[in-house]
C-alpha atoms as a PDB file:
ATOM      1  CA  MET A   1       0.000   0.000   0.000  1.00  0.00           C
ATOM      2  CA  LYS A   2       1.352   3.362  -1.049  1.00  0.00           C
ATOM      3  CA  GLY A   3       0.719   7.043  -0.427  1.00  0.00           C
ATOM      4  CA  ILE A   4       1.739  10.646  -1.051  1.00  0.00           C
ATOM      5  CA  SER A   5       1.958  13.711   1.174  1.00  0.00           C
ATOM      6  CA  ILE A   6       0.086  16.956   0.579  1.00  0.00           C
ATOM      7  CA  PHE A   7       0.742  19.967   2.804  1.00  0.00           C
ATOM      8  CA  PRO A   8      -1.788  22.826   2.691  1.00  0.00           C
ATOM      9  CA  GLY A   9      -0.348  26.294   3.206  1.00  0.00           C
ATOM     10  CA  LEU A  10       3.165  25.479   2.038  1.00  0.00           C
ATOM     11  CA  ASP A  11       4.985  25.182  -1.302  1.00  0.00           C
ATOM     12  CA  TYR A  12       2.112  24.424  -3.672  1.00  0.00           C
ATOM     13  CA  SER A  13      -1.302  25.921  -4.393  1.00  0.00           C
ATOM     14  CA  VAL A  14      -4.459  23.946  -3.754  1.00  0.00           C
ATOM     15  CA  ARG A  15      -4.901  23.494  -7.518  1.00  0.00           C
ATOM     16  CA  GLU A  16      -1.393  22.055  -7.847  1.00  0.00           C
ATOM     17  CA  ASN A  17      -2.064  19.754  -4.901  1.00  0.00           C
ATOM     18  CA  VAL A  18      -5.334  18.469  -6.369  1.00  0.00           C
ATOM     19  CA  ASN A  19      -3.614  17.847  -9.706  1.00  0.00           C
ATOM     20  CA  TYR A  20      -0.891  15.944  -7.839  1.00  0.00           C
ATOM     21  CA  MET A  21      -3.533  13.895  -6.052  1.00  0.00           C
ATOM     22  CA  GLU A  22      -5.090  12.970  -9.388  1.00  0.00           C
ATOM     23  CA  ARG A  23      -1.726  11.900 -10.850  1.00  0.00           C
ATOM     24  CA  ALA A  24      -1.071   9.742  -7.796  1.00  0.00           C
ATOM     25  CA  PHE A  25      -4.539   8.217  -7.995  1.00  0.00           C
ATOM     26  CA  ARG A  26      -3.978   7.267 -11.649  1.00  0.00           C
ATOM     27  CA  ASN A  27      -0.842   5.389 -10.552  1.00  0.00           C
ATOM     28  CA  GLY A  28      -2.747   3.280  -8.046  1.00  0.00           C
ATOM     29  CA  ILE A  29      -1.749   5.245  -4.952  1.00  0.00           C
ATOM     30  CA  GLU A  30      -4.453   5.182  -2.298  1.00  0.00           C
ATOM     31  CA  TYR A  31      -3.235   7.081   0.783  1.00  0.00           C
ATOM     32  CA  ILE A  32      -2.684  10.791   1.453  1.00  0.00           C
ATOM     33  CA  PHE A  33      -0.721  12.039   4.432  1.00  0.00           C
ATOM     34  CA  THR A  34      -1.228  15.652   5.454  1.00  0.00           C
ATOM     35  CA  SER A  35      -0.361  17.878   8.377  1.00  0.00           C
ATOM     36  CA  VAL A  36      -2.307  20.844   9.716  1.00  0.00           C
ATOM     37  CA  HIS A  37       0.186  22.002  12.348  1.00  0.00           C
ATOM     38  CA  ILE A  38       3.412  22.784  10.484  1.00  0.00           C
ATOM     39  CA  PRO A  39       4.856  26.025  11.968  1.00  0.00           C
ATOM     40  CA  GLU A  40       5.979  27.429   8.587  1.00  0.00           C
ATOM     41  CA  ALA A  41       2.559  26.923   6.934  1.00  0.00           C
ATOM     42  CA  ASP A  42       0.213  29.845   6.227  1.00  0.00           C
ATOM     43  CA  ARG A  43      -2.575  29.247   8.775  1.00  0.00           C
ATOM     44  CA  LYS A  44      -5.308  30.894   6.685  1.00  0.00           C
ATOM     45  CA  ARG A  45      -4.394  28.788   3.672  1.00  0.00           C
ATOM     46  CA  VAL A  46      -4.285  25.640   5.795  1.00  0.00           C
ATOM     47  CA  LYS A  47      -7.868  26.158   6.914  1.00  0.00           C
ATOM     48  CA  ASP A  48      -9.075  27.174   3.447  1.00  0.00           C
ATOM     49  CA  GLU A  49      -7.368  24.312   1.617  1.00  0.00           C
ATOM     50  CA  PHE A  50      -7.749  21.452   4.094  1.00  0.00           C
ATOM     51  CA  ASP A  51     -11.421  20.761   3.374  1.00  0.00           C
ATOM     52  CA  ILE A  52     -10.812  20.972  -0.392  1.00  0.00           C
ATOM     53  CA  ILE A  53      -8.148  18.288  -0.053  1.00  0.00           C
ATOM     54  CA  LEU A  54     -10.519  16.081   1.951  1.00  0.00           C
ATOM     55  CA  THR A  55     -13.323  16.549  -0.582  1.00  0.00           C
ATOM     56  CA  GLU A  56     -11.089  15.746  -3.554  1.00  0.00           C
ATOM     57  CA  ALA A  57      -9.660  12.707  -1.761  1.00  0.00           C
ATOM     58  CA  GLU A  58     -13.142  11.394  -1.028  1.00  0.00           C
ATOM     59  CA  LYS A  59     -14.065  11.673  -4.720  1.00  0.00           C
ATOM     60  CA  ARG A  60     -11.191   9.309  -5.484  1.00  0.00           C
ATOM     61  CA  LYS A  61     -11.793   7.084  -2.424  1.00  0.00           C
ATOM     62  CA  MET A  62      -8.292   7.919  -1.168  1.00  0.00           C
ATOM     63  CA  LYS A  63      -7.613   7.529   2.557  1.00  0.00           C
ATOM     64  CA  VAL A  64      -6.383  10.643   4.381  1.00  0.00           C
ATOM     65  CA  ILE A  65      -4.097  10.520   7.417  1.00  0.00           C
ATOM     66  CA  VAL A  66      -3.988  13.847   9.291  1.00  0.00           C
ATOM     67  CA  ASP A  67      -1.015  14.731  11.477  1.00  0.00           C
ATOM     68  CA  ILE A  68      -2.085  16.919  14.394  1.00  0.00           C
ATOM     69  CA  SER A  69      -0.642  18.153  17.692  1.00  0.00           C
ATOM     70  CA  LYS A  70      -2.594  19.002  20.820  1.00  0.00           C
ATOM     71  CA  GLY A  71      -2.179  22.761  20.341  1.00  0.00           C
ATOM     72  CA  PHE A  72      -4.030  22.722  17.013  1.00  0.00           C
ATOM     73  CA  PHE A  73      -6.526  19.946  17.681  1.00  0.00           C
ATOM     74  CA  ASP A  74      -9.425  22.163  18.742  1.00  0.00           C
ATOM     75  CA  GLU A  75      -9.196  24.325  15.610  1.00  0.00           C
ATOM     76  CA  PHE A  76     -11.114  21.667  13.661  1.00  0.00           C
ATOM     77  CA  ARG A  77     -14.360  19.755  14.124  1.00  0.00           C
ATOM     78  CA  TRP A  78     -13.025  16.278  13.408  1.00  0.00           C
ATOM     79  CA  GLU A  79     -16.388  14.543  13.651  1.00  0.00           C
ATOM     80  CA  ASP A  80     -17.532  16.545  10.590  1.00  0.00           C
ATOM     81  CA  ARG A  81     -14.630  15.416   8.408  1.00  0.00           C
ATOM     82  CA  ARG A  82     -14.047  12.115   6.626  1.00  0.00           C
ATOM     83  CA  ILE A  83     -10.540  10.976   7.447  1.00  0.00           C
ATOM     84  CA  TYR A  84      -8.862   7.585   7.611  1.00  0.00           C
ATOM     85  CA  ALA A  85      -6.863   8.333  10.758  1.00  0.00           C
ATOM     86  CA  LEU A  86      -5.648  11.069  13.096  1.00  0.00           C
ATOM     87  CA  ARG A  87      -1.909  10.811  13.687  1.00  0.00           C
ATOM     88  CA  LEU A  88      -1.445  12.142  17.200  1.00  0.00           C
ATOM     89  CA  ASP A  89       1.767  14.107  17.443  1.00  0.00           C
ATOM     90  CA  PHE A  90       3.099  15.796  20.573  1.00  0.00           C
ATOM     91  CA  GLY A  91       1.008  17.205  23.425  1.00  0.00           C
ATOM     92  CA  PHE A  92      -1.622  14.500  24.039  1.00  0.00           C
ATOM     93  CA  ASN A  93      -1.617  12.815  27.435  1.00  0.00           C
ATOM     94  CA  ASP A  94      -2.421   9.132  27.997  1.00  0.00           C
ATOM     95  CA  ASN A  95      -6.020   9.732  28.972  1.00  0.00           C
ATOM     96  CA  GLU A  96      -6.701  11.869  25.885  1.00  0.00           C
ATOM     97  CA  ILE A  97      -5.166   9.241  23.607  1.00  0.00           C
ATOM     98  CA  VAL A  98      -7.327   6.510  25.119  1.00  0.00           C
ATOM     99  CA  GLN A  99     -10.482   8.638  24.795  1.00  0.00           C
ATOM    100  CA  LEU A 100      -9.719   9.543  21.168  1.00  0.00           C
ATOM    101  CA  SER A 101      -9.138   5.870  20.313  1.00  0.00           C
ATOM    102  CA  HIS A 102     -12.820   5.246  21.093  1.00  0.00           C
ATOM    103  CA  LYS A 103     -13.998   8.018  18.735  1.00  0.00           C
ATOM    104  CA  TYR A 104     -11.582   7.891  15.786  1.00  0.00           C
ATOM    105  CA  ASN A 105      -9.010   5.761  14.043  1.00  0.00           C
ATOM    106  CA  ILE A 106      -5.754   7.041  15.516  1.00  0.00           C
ATOM    107  CA  GLN A 107      -2.070   6.607  14.775  1.00  0.00           C
ATOM    108  CA  LEU A 108       0.744   6.834  17.300  1.00  0.00           C
ATOM    109  CA  ASN A 109       4.301   7.851  16.490  1.00  0.00           C
ATOM    110  CA  ALA A 110       6.019   4.546  15.700  1.00  0.00           C
ATOM    111  CA  SER A 111       9.492   6.112  15.936  1.00  0.00           C
ATOM    112  CA  THR A 112       9.112   7.162  19.573  1.00  0.00           C
ATOM    113  CA  VAL A 113       6.516   4.876  21.171  1.00  0.00           C
ATOM    114  CA  THR A 114       7.963   2.326  23.595  1.00  0.00           C
ATOM    115  CA  GLU A 115       6.723  -1.119  24.502  1.00  0.00           C
ATOM    116  CA  ASP A 116       6.162  -0.044  28.127  1.00  0.00           C
ATOM    117  CA  TRP A 117       4.132   3.001  27.105  1.00  0.00           C
ATOM    118  CA  MET A 118       2.013   0.940  24.714  1.00  0.00           C
ATOM    119  CA  LYS A 119       1.296  -1.589  27.465  1.00  0.00           C
ATOM    120  CA  ARG A 120       0.308   1.242  29.803  1.00  0.00           C
ATOM    121  CA  LEU A 121      -2.109   2.663  27.236  1.00  0.00           C
ATOM    122  CA  MET A 122      -3.666  -0.765  26.691  1.00  0.00           C
ATOM    123  CA  GLU A 123      -4.111  -1.245  30.414  1.00  0.00           C
ATOM    124  CA  SER A 124      -5.837   2.169  30.504  1.00  0.00           C
ATOM    125  CA  GLY A 125      -8.439   1.031  27.951  1.00  0.00           C
ATOM    126  CA  LEU A 126      -6.890   1.899  24.582  1.00  0.00           C
ATOM    127  CA  ASN A 127      -9.127   0.700  21.721  1.00  0.00           C
ATOM    128  CA  VAL A 128      -6.520  -1.270  19.781  1.00  0.00           C
ATOM    129  CA  SER A 129      -8.990  -2.020  16.962  1.00  0.00           C
ATOM    130  CA  ASN A 130      -8.830   1.704  16.053  1.00  0.00           C
ATOM    131  CA  LEU A 131      -5.038   1.909  16.333  1.00  0.00           C
ATOM    132  CA  THR A 132      -2.242   1.927  13.760  1.00  0.00           C
ATOM    133  CA  VAL A 133       1.264   3.393  13.991  1.00  0.00           C
ATOM    134  CA  CYS A 134       3.169   5.797  11.758  1.00  0.00           C
ATOM    135  CA  HIS A 135       6.869   6.572  11.906  1.00  0.00           C
ATOM    136  CA  ASN A 136       8.205  10.123  11.764  1.00  0.00           C
ATOM    137  CA  TYR A 137       9.795  11.784   8.775  1.00  0.00           C
ATOM    138  CA  TYR A 138      12.892  13.880   9.421  1.00  0.00           C
ATOM    139  CA  PRO A 139      13.342  17.158   7.474  1.00  0.00           C
ATOM    140  CA  ARG A 140      16.814  17.959   8.847  1.00  0.00           C
ATOM    141  CA  ASN A 141      19.808  16.149   7.413  1.00  0.00           C
ATOM    142  CA  ASN A 142      21.414  13.566   9.747  1.00  0.00           C
ATOM    143  CA  THR A 143      18.379  13.246  12.068  1.00  0.00           C
ATOM    144  CA  GLY A 144      16.534  10.230  10.605  1.00  0.00           C
ATOM    145  CA  ILE A 145      16.435   6.965  12.513  1.00  0.00           C
ATOM    146  CA  SER A 146      18.506   3.904  11.627  1.00  0.00           C
ATOM    147  CA  LEU A 147      17.129   0.954   9.723  1.00  0.00           C
ATOM    148  CA  GLU A 148      18.009  -1.195  12.743  1.00  0.00           C
ATOM    149  CA  LEU A 149      15.786   0.876  15.047  1.00  0.00           C
ATOM    150  CA  LEU A 150      12.927   0.868  12.548  1.00  0.00           C
ATOM    151  CA  THR A 151      13.192  -2.910  12.170  1.00  0.00           C
ATOM    152  CA  GLU A 152      13.244  -3.409  15.929  1.00  0.00           C
ATOM    153  CA  ARG A 153      10.180  -1.191  16.440  1.00  0.00           C
ATOM    154  CA  ASN A 154       8.357  -2.814  13.531  1.00  0.00           C
ATOM    155  CA  ARG A 155       8.932  -6.248  15.006  1.00  0.00           C
ATOM    156  CA  PHE A 156       7.138  -5.215  18.201  1.00  0.00           C
ATOM    157  CA  PHE A 157       4.247  -3.610  16.290  1.00  0.00           C
ATOM    158  CA  LYS A 158       3.822  -6.701  14.130  1.00  0.00           C
ATOM    159  CA  GLU A 159       3.616  -8.879  17.225  1.00  0.00           C
ATOM    160  CA  ALA A 160       0.910  -6.515  18.500  1.00  0.00           C
ATOM    161  CA  GLY A 161      -1.001  -6.868  15.201  1.00  0.00           C
ATOM    162  CA  LEU A 162      -0.643  -3.196  14.226  1.00  0.00           C
ATOM    163  CA  LYS A 163      -0.388  -1.794  10.703  1.00  0.00           C
ATOM    164  CA  ILE A 164       2.774   0.297  10.186  1.00  0.00           C
ATOM    165  CA  THR A 165       3.388   3.394   8.030  1.00  0.00           C
ATOM    166  CA  ALA A 166       6.765   4.970   7.155  1.00  0.00           C
ATOM    167  CA  PHE A 167       8.153   7.573   4.740  1.00  0.00           C
ATOM    168  CA  VAL A 168      10.509   7.700   1.777  1.00  0.00           C
ATOM    169  CA  PRO A 169      11.923  10.951   0.406  1.00  0.00           C
ATOM    170  CA  GLY A 170      11.084  12.430  -2.963  1.00  0.00           C
ATOM    171  CA  GLY A 171      14.031  12.813  -5.290  1.00  0.00           C
ATOM    172  CA  GLU A 172      13.228  15.780  -7.524  1.00  0.00           C
ATOM    173  CA  PHE A 173      10.901  18.084  -5.553  1.00  0.00           C
ATOM    174  CA  ARG A 174      11.613  18.425  -1.857  1.00  0.00           C
ATOM    175  CA  ARG A 175       9.536  20.175   0.781  1.00  0.00           C
ATOM    176  CA  GLY A 176      10.550  23.448   2.380  1.00  0.00           C
ATOM    177  CA  PRO A 177      11.819  25.108   4.370  1.00  0.00           C
ATOM    178  CA  LEU A 178      14.954  22.900   4.342  1.00  0.00           C
ATOM    179  CA  TYR A 179      14.485  20.993   1.057  1.00  0.00           C
ATOM    180  CA  GLU A 180      16.602  18.077   2.312  1.00  0.00           C
ATOM    181  CA  GLY A 181      14.037  15.311   1.862  1.00  0.00           C
ATOM    182  CA  LEU A 182      11.575  13.733   4.285  1.00  0.00           C
ATOM    183  CA  PRO A 183      12.680  10.142   4.962  1.00  0.00           C
ATOM    184  CA  THR A 184      12.065   8.049   8.046  1.00  0.00           C
ATOM    185  CA  VAL A 185      15.422   6.260   7.732  1.00  0.00           C
ATOM    186  CA  GLU A 186      18.465   8.529   7.431  1.00  0.00           C
ATOM    187  CA  SER A 187      20.330   6.249   5.005  1.00  0.00           C
ATOM    188  CA  HIS A 188      17.420   6.675   2.554  1.00  0.00           C
ATOM    189  CA  ARG A 189      17.753  10.461   2.248  1.00  0.00           C
ATOM    190  CA  ASN A 190      19.507  10.478  -1.130  1.00  0.00           C
ATOM    191  CA  VAL A 191      18.645   7.011  -2.467  1.00  0.00           C
ATOM    192  CA  HIS A 192      16.222   6.119  -5.275  1.00  0.00           C
ATOM    193  CA  ILE A 193      12.613   5.918  -4.110  1.00  0.00           C
ATOM    194  CA  LEU A 194      12.230   2.286  -5.207  1.00  0.00           C
ATOM    195  CA  ALA A 195      15.199   1.168  -3.115  1.00  0.00           C
ATOM    196  CA  CYS A 196      13.963   3.024  -0.019  1.00  0.00           C
ATOM    197  CA  ALA A 197      10.396   1.750  -0.368  1.00  0.00           C
ATOM    198  CA  GLN A 198      11.413  -1.882  -0.775  1.00  0.00           C
ATOM    199  CA  GLU A 199      13.809  -1.784   2.147  1.00  0.00           C
ATOM    200  CA  LEU A 200      10.958  -0.465   4.317  1.00  0.00           C
ATOM    201  CA  LEU A 201       8.691  -3.262   3.075  1.00  0.00           C
ATOM    202  CA  TYR A 202      11.435  -5.798   3.806  1.00  0.00           C
ATOM    203  CA  ALA A 203      11.606  -4.410   7.357  1.00  0.00           C
ATOM    204  CA  GLY A 204       7.901  -5.076   7.897  1.00  0.00           C
ATOM    205  CA  THR A 205       6.351  -1.741   6.953  1.00  0.00           C
ATOM    206  CA  ASP A 206       2.825  -1.946   5.491  1.00  0.00           C
ATOM    207  CA  ILE A 207       2.196   1.528   4.037  1.00  0.00           C
ATOM    208  CA  ILE A 208       4.906   3.489   2.205  1.00  0.00           C
ATOM    209  CA  ILE A 209       4.328   7.230   1.840  1.00  0.00           C
ATOM    210  CA  ILE A 210       6.393   9.747  -0.125  1.00  0.00           C
ATOM    211  CA  GLY A 211       7.186  12.302   2.573  1.00  0.00           C
ATOM    212  CA  ASP A 212       7.986  15.249   0.336  1.00  0.00           C
ATOM    213  CA  SER A 213       5.164  17.402  -0.947  1.00  0.00           C
ATOM    214  CA  MET A 214       5.547  16.633  -4.648  1.00  0.00           C
ATOM    215  CA  ALA A 215       6.941  13.661  -6.551  1.00  0.00           C
ATOM    216  CA  SER A 216       7.770  13.458 -10.245  1.00  0.00           C
ATOM    217  CA  GLU A 217       5.625  11.453 -12.663  1.00  0.00           C
ATOM    218  CA  LYS A 218       8.442   8.920 -12.909  1.00  0.00           C
ATOM    219  CA  GLU A 219       8.540   8.500  -9.117  1.00  0.00           C
ATOM    220  CA  LEU A 220       4.765   8.055  -8.884  1.00  0.00           C
ATOM    221  CA  GLU A 221       4.845   5.514 -11.693  1.00  0.00           C
ATOM    222  CA  ALA A 222       7.695   3.600 -10.042  1.00  0.00           C
ATOM    223  CA  LEU A 223       6.013   3.508  -6.643  1.00  0.00           C
ATOM    224  CA  GLY A 224       2.726   2.486  -8.247  1.00  0.00           C
ATOM    225  CA  LYS A 225       4.376  -0.551  -9.857  1.00  0.00           C
ATOM    226  CA  LEU A 226       5.625  -2.026  -6.593  1.00  0.00           C
ATOM    227  CA  GLU A 227       4.135  -5.406  -5.751  1.00  0.00           C
ATOM    228  CA  ASN A 228       4.627  -7.479  -2.618  1.00  0.00           C
ATOM    229  CA  GLY A 229       6.639 -10.583  -3.348  1.00  0.00           C
ATOM    230  CA  LYS A 230       8.428  -9.208  -6.420  1.00  0.00           C
ATOM    231  CA  TRP A 231      11.588  -7.105  -6.340  1.00  0.00           C
ATOM    232  CA  LEU A 232      11.676  -4.095  -8.690  1.00  0.00           C
ATOM    233  CA  LEU A 233      15.246  -2.914  -9.231  1.00  0.00           C
ATOM    234  CA  PRO A 234      15.899   0.625 -10.494  1.00  0.00           C
ATOM    235  CA  VAL A 235      18.578   0.352 -13.160  1.00  0.00           C
ATOM    236  CA  LEU A 236      20.580   2.886 -15.158  1.00  0.00           C
ATOM    237  CA  LEU A 237      21.387   1.328 -18.537  1.00  0.00           C
ATOM    238  CA  PHE A 238      23.893   2.293 -21.184  1.00  0.00           C
ATOM    239  CA  GLU A 239      22.102   3.435 -24.340  1.00  0.00           C
ATOM    240  CA  LYS A 240      23.218   0.474 -26.452  1.00  0.00           C
ATOM    241  CA  ALA A 241      22.141  -1.939 -23.700  1.00  0.00           C
ATOM    242  CA  LYS A 242      18.773  -0.211 -23.481  1.00  0.00           C
ATOM    243  CA  GLU A 243      18.238  -0.519 -27.242  1.00  0.00           C
ATOM    244  CA  ILE A 244      19.012  -4.244 -27.330  1.00  0.00           C
ATOM    245  CA  TYR A 245      18.124  -5.669 -23.922  1.00  0.00           C
ATOM    246  CA  LYS A 246      15.450  -3.469 -22.323  1.00  0.00           C
ATOM    247  CA  GLY A 247      12.658  -5.847 -23.340  1.00  0.00           C
ATOM    248  CA  PHE A 248      14.541  -8.773 -21.827  1.00  0.00           C
ATOM    249  CA  LEU A 249      15.383  -6.953 -18.592  1.00  0.00           C
ATOM    250  CA  ILE A 250      11.836  -5.825 -17.827  1.00  0.00           C
ATOM    251  CA  GLN A 251      10.585  -9.404 -18.002  1.00  0.00           C
ATOM    252  CA  GLU A 252      10.118 -11.300 -14.747  1.00  0.00           C
ATOM    253  CA  HIS A 253      13.337 -12.955 -13.590  1.00  0.00           C
ATOM    254  CA  THR A 254      13.997 -15.478 -10.825  1.00  0.00           C
ATOM    255  CA  GLN A 255      17.094 -15.735  -8.628  1.00  0.00           C
ATOM    256  CA  ARG A 256      18.590 -19.201  -9.093  1.00  0.00           C
ATOM    257  CA  THR A 257      18.193 -21.575  -6.154  1.00  0.00           C
ATOM    258  CA  ASP A 258      21.940 -22.348  -6.136  1.00  0.00           C
ATOM    259  CA  VAL A 259      22.801 -18.812  -5.043  1.00  0.00           C
ATOM    260  CA  SER A 260      26.210 -17.586  -6.164  1.00  0.00           C
ATOM    261  CA  GLU A 261      28.606 -15.916  -3.726  1.00  0.00           C
ATOM    262  CA  ASP A 262      29.728 -13.220  -6.183  1.00  0.00           C
ATOM    263  CA  THR A 263      26.672 -12.555  -8.348  1.00  0.00           C
ATOM    264  CA  LEU A 264      22.910 -12.758  -8.418  1.00  0.00           C
ATOM    265  CA  ARG A 265      22.103 -15.047 -11.358  1.00  0.00           C
ATOM    266  CA  SER A 266      18.821 -15.056 -13.250  1.00  0.00           C
ATOM    267  CA  GLU A 267      17.297 -18.362 -14.333  1.00  0.00           C
ATOM    268  CA  LYS A 268      16.301 -16.662 -17.602  1.00  0.00           C
ATOM    269  CA  ILE A 269      18.753 -16.715 -20.547  1.00  0.00           C
ATOM    270  CA  TYR A 270      18.755 -14.174 -23.393  1.00  0.00           C
ATOM    271  CA  LYS A 271      18.333 -16.175 -26.633  1.00  0.00           C
ATOM    272  CA  ASP A 272      16.901 -13.682 -29.129  1.00  0.00           C
ATOM    273  CA  LYS A 273      20.189 -13.171 -30.987  1.00  0.00           C
ATOM    274  CA  THR A 274      23.926 -13.605 -30.647  1.00  0.00           C
ATOM    275  CA  VAL A 275      25.325 -11.523 -27.796  1.00  0.00           C
ATOM    276  CA  GLU A 276      28.052  -9.487 -29.436  1.00  0.00           C
ATOM    277  CA  VAL A 277      30.945  -8.016 -27.456  1.00  0.00           C
ATOM    278  CA  PHE A 278      30.671  -4.474 -26.075  1.00  0.00           C
ATOM    279  CA  ASN A 279      31.556  -2.567 -22.909  1.00  0.00           C
ATOM    280  CA  THR A 280      33.560  -5.248 -21.096  1.00  0.00           C
ATOM    281  CA  GLY A 281      34.803  -3.072 -18.243  1.00  0.00           C
ATOM    282  CA  ILE A 282      35.367  -3.464 -14.502  1.00  0.00           C
ATOM    283  CA  ARG A 283      32.273  -4.687 -12.675  1.00  0.00           C
ATOM    284  CA  ALA A 284      31.543  -2.798  -9.452  1.00  0.00           C
ATOM    285  CA  ALA A 285      28.958  -4.030  -6.953  1.00  0.00           C
ATOM    286  CA  GLY A 286      25.505  -3.503  -8.467  1.00  0.00           C
ATOM    287  CA  THR A 287      26.688  -3.871 -12.080  1.00  0.00           C
ATOM    288  CA  VAL A 288      24.237  -5.653 -14.398  1.00  0.00           C
ATOM    289  CA  THR A 289      26.008  -7.935 -16.880  1.00  0.00           C
ATOM    290  CA  ILE A 290      25.295 -10.405 -19.661  1.00  0.00           C
ATOM    291  CA  ASP A 291      27.747 -13.038 -20.902  1.00  0.00           C
ATOM    292  CA  ASN A 292      28.661 -12.548 -24.567  1.00  0.00           C
ATOM    293  CA  LYS A 293      29.357 -15.056 -27.333  1.00  0.00           C
ATOM    294  CA  HIS A 294      32.895 -15.739 -26.101  1.00  0.00           C
ATOM    295  CA  TYR A 295      31.492 -17.472 -22.996  1.00  0.00           C
ATOM    296  CA  GLY A 296      30.204 -20.364 -25.095  1.00  0.00           C
ATOM    297  CA  ARG A 297      27.142 -22.071 -23.618  1.00  0.00           C
ATOM    298  CA  TYR A 298      26.898 -19.361 -20.912  1.00  0.00           C
ATOM    299  CA  ALA A 299      26.247 -16.667 -23.542  1.00  0.00           C
ATOM    300  CA  GLY A 300      23.071 -14.743 -22.673  1.00  0.00           C
ATOM    301  CA  SER A 301      23.393 -15.412 -18.932  1.00  0.00           C
ATOM    302  CA  LEU A 302      22.287 -12.420 -16.838  1.00  0.00           C
ATOM    303  CA  GLN A 303      23.922 -11.461 -13.534  1.00  0.00           C
ATOM    304  CA  ILE A 304      23.998  -8.653 -10.974  1.00  0.00           C
ATOM    305  CA  VAL A 305      27.420  -8.328  -9.378  1.00  0.00           C
ATOM    306  CA  LYS A 306      27.553  -8.411  -5.556  1.00  0.00           C
ATOM    307  CA  LYS A 307      31.192  -7.351  -5.135  1.00  0.00           C
ATOM    308  CA  GLU A 308      33.763  -5.747  -7.405  1.00  0.00           C
ATOM    309  CA  LEU A 309      35.033  -8.055 -10.131  1.00  0.00           C
ATOM    310  CA  SER A 310      37.732  -7.408 -12.704  1.00  0.00           C
ATOM    311  CA  ALA A 311      36.982  -6.852 -16.376  1.00  0.00           C
ATOM    312  CA  ASP A 312      36.369  -9.962 -18.479  1.00  0.00           C
ATOM    313  CA  TYR A 313      36.268  -9.866 -22.281  1.00  0.00           C
ATOM    314  CA  ARG A 314      33.487 -12.490 -22.137  1.00  0.00           C
ATOM    315  CA  VAL A 315      31.148 -10.337 -19.977  1.00  0.00           C
ATOM    316  CA  ASN A 316      29.285  -7.237 -21.189  1.00  0.00           C
ATOM    317  CA  VAL A 317      28.345  -4.460 -18.749  1.00  0.00           C
ATOM    318  CA  LEU A 318      24.745  -3.332 -19.357  1.00  0.00           C
ATOM    319  CA  GLY A 319      24.323  -0.809 -16.543  1.00  0.00           C
ATOM    320  CA  PHE A 320      24.022  -0.379 -12.805  1.00  0.00           C
ATOM    321  CA  VAL A 321      21.333  -1.002 -10.188  1.00  0.00           C
ATOM    322  CA  CYS A 322      20.624   2.353  -8.487  1.00  0.00           C
ATOM    323  CA  ASP A 323      19.735   0.990  -5.071  1.00  0.00           C
ATOM    324  CA  GLY A 324      22.494   2.389  -2.877  1.00  0.00           C
ATOM    325  CA  GLY A 325      23.490  -1.216  -2.154  1.00  0.00           C
ATOM    326  CA  LEU A 326      20.188  -1.842  -0.358  1.00  0.00           C
ATOM    327  CA  LEU A 327      18.353  -4.471  -2.393  1.00  0.00           C
ATOM    328  CA  VAL A 328      20.445  -6.985  -4.335  1.00  0.00           C
ATOM    329  CA  GLU A 329      21.773  -8.848  -1.288  1.00  0.00           C
ATOM    330  CA  LYS A 330      18.214  -9.171   0.064  1.00  0.00           C
ATOM    331  CA  ILE A 331      16.928 -11.179  -2.918  1.00  0.00           C
ATOM    332  CA  LYS A 332      16.745 -14.789  -1.806  1.00  0.00           C
ATOM    333  CA  ALA A 333      16.903 -18.046  -3.755  1.00  0.00           C
ATOM    334  CA  GLY A 334      13.854 -18.507  -5.964  1.00  0.00           C
ATOM    335  CA  GLU A 335      12.546 -14.952  -5.487  1.00  0.00           C
ATOM    336  CA  LYS A 336      11.186 -12.929  -8.404  1.00  0.00           C
ATOM    337  CA  PHE A 337      12.715  -9.678  -9.618  1.00  0.00           C
ATOM    338  CA  THR A 338      12.599  -7.378 -12.593  1.00  0.00           C
ATOM    339  CA  PHE A 339      14.289  -4.157 -13.653  1.00  0.00           C
ATOM    340  CA  TYR A 340      12.869  -0.648 -13.825  1.00  0.00           C
ATOM    341  CA  PRO A 341      14.960   1.550 -16.176  1.00  0.00           C
ATOM    342  CA  VAL A 342      15.495   5.064 -14.805  1.00  0.00           C
END
């Protein structure tokens, strides 16, 4: 499940935000995250635009998550608005959280909630059937959480039967005032959206939301194509490789069951035509290669390199997986994968 973020009163007009919502909807994206308590936002615009966003989301049957702190909560009549969940940020005490859980679907901050606090809320009467959790995003560089912490927290939430949301940064259009991306995990800040999203899924996250306030058409399309159980690898191809092998690469591939130490090997072999020699350079980790005609019966074999290998006149370099080293090692024996040219 996938989502976008829309922030009234900030970088984009309400018309631009509605157009963005429509583009996301066309790419199969079903969630919208928004916040009505950002300090830098124009308060008048927030109030004017918020209901328009809710109305337009309802037309498309998109689910809206609203981030709110205690100081701004009473500015809105929540019972009059159709929202999927209220994400309760700072300022709410235990008793207020418990009471709200009996009136609305609520989300708690997955990045800061502790097991002890959750147990205390449950003992106080928290309505767990109306509860999900949502990690923070982190606008300032070097402040995001580690993947290890996210995985640890997610493990606890999964055991509690809670649905988990987290954020990936946009690549092209970043939200002000810092414009440094809005990831949950710090190591994702400058990595391709597909790599970030799939690492979050691998760590047990259920809903992936683009944190920044606008994503490119290419990013929306890429996120929309993600499917559970199939790895989608962003790949930068050399032009000649794209001309000849793009159709082969975007087919569904399967990691061989006899997993190689040095490379990920596809079960599928390219057989359309003779693989002529070109671009037989050094193979860094993440390099996508195909064996050429000089490798005899191995010609047409497709690999992704796991560690640096020297040049081999029998192996053509097609391009590079743009995953920041996050995905290839996670693909297990017999798992499906395909390539997404960027």
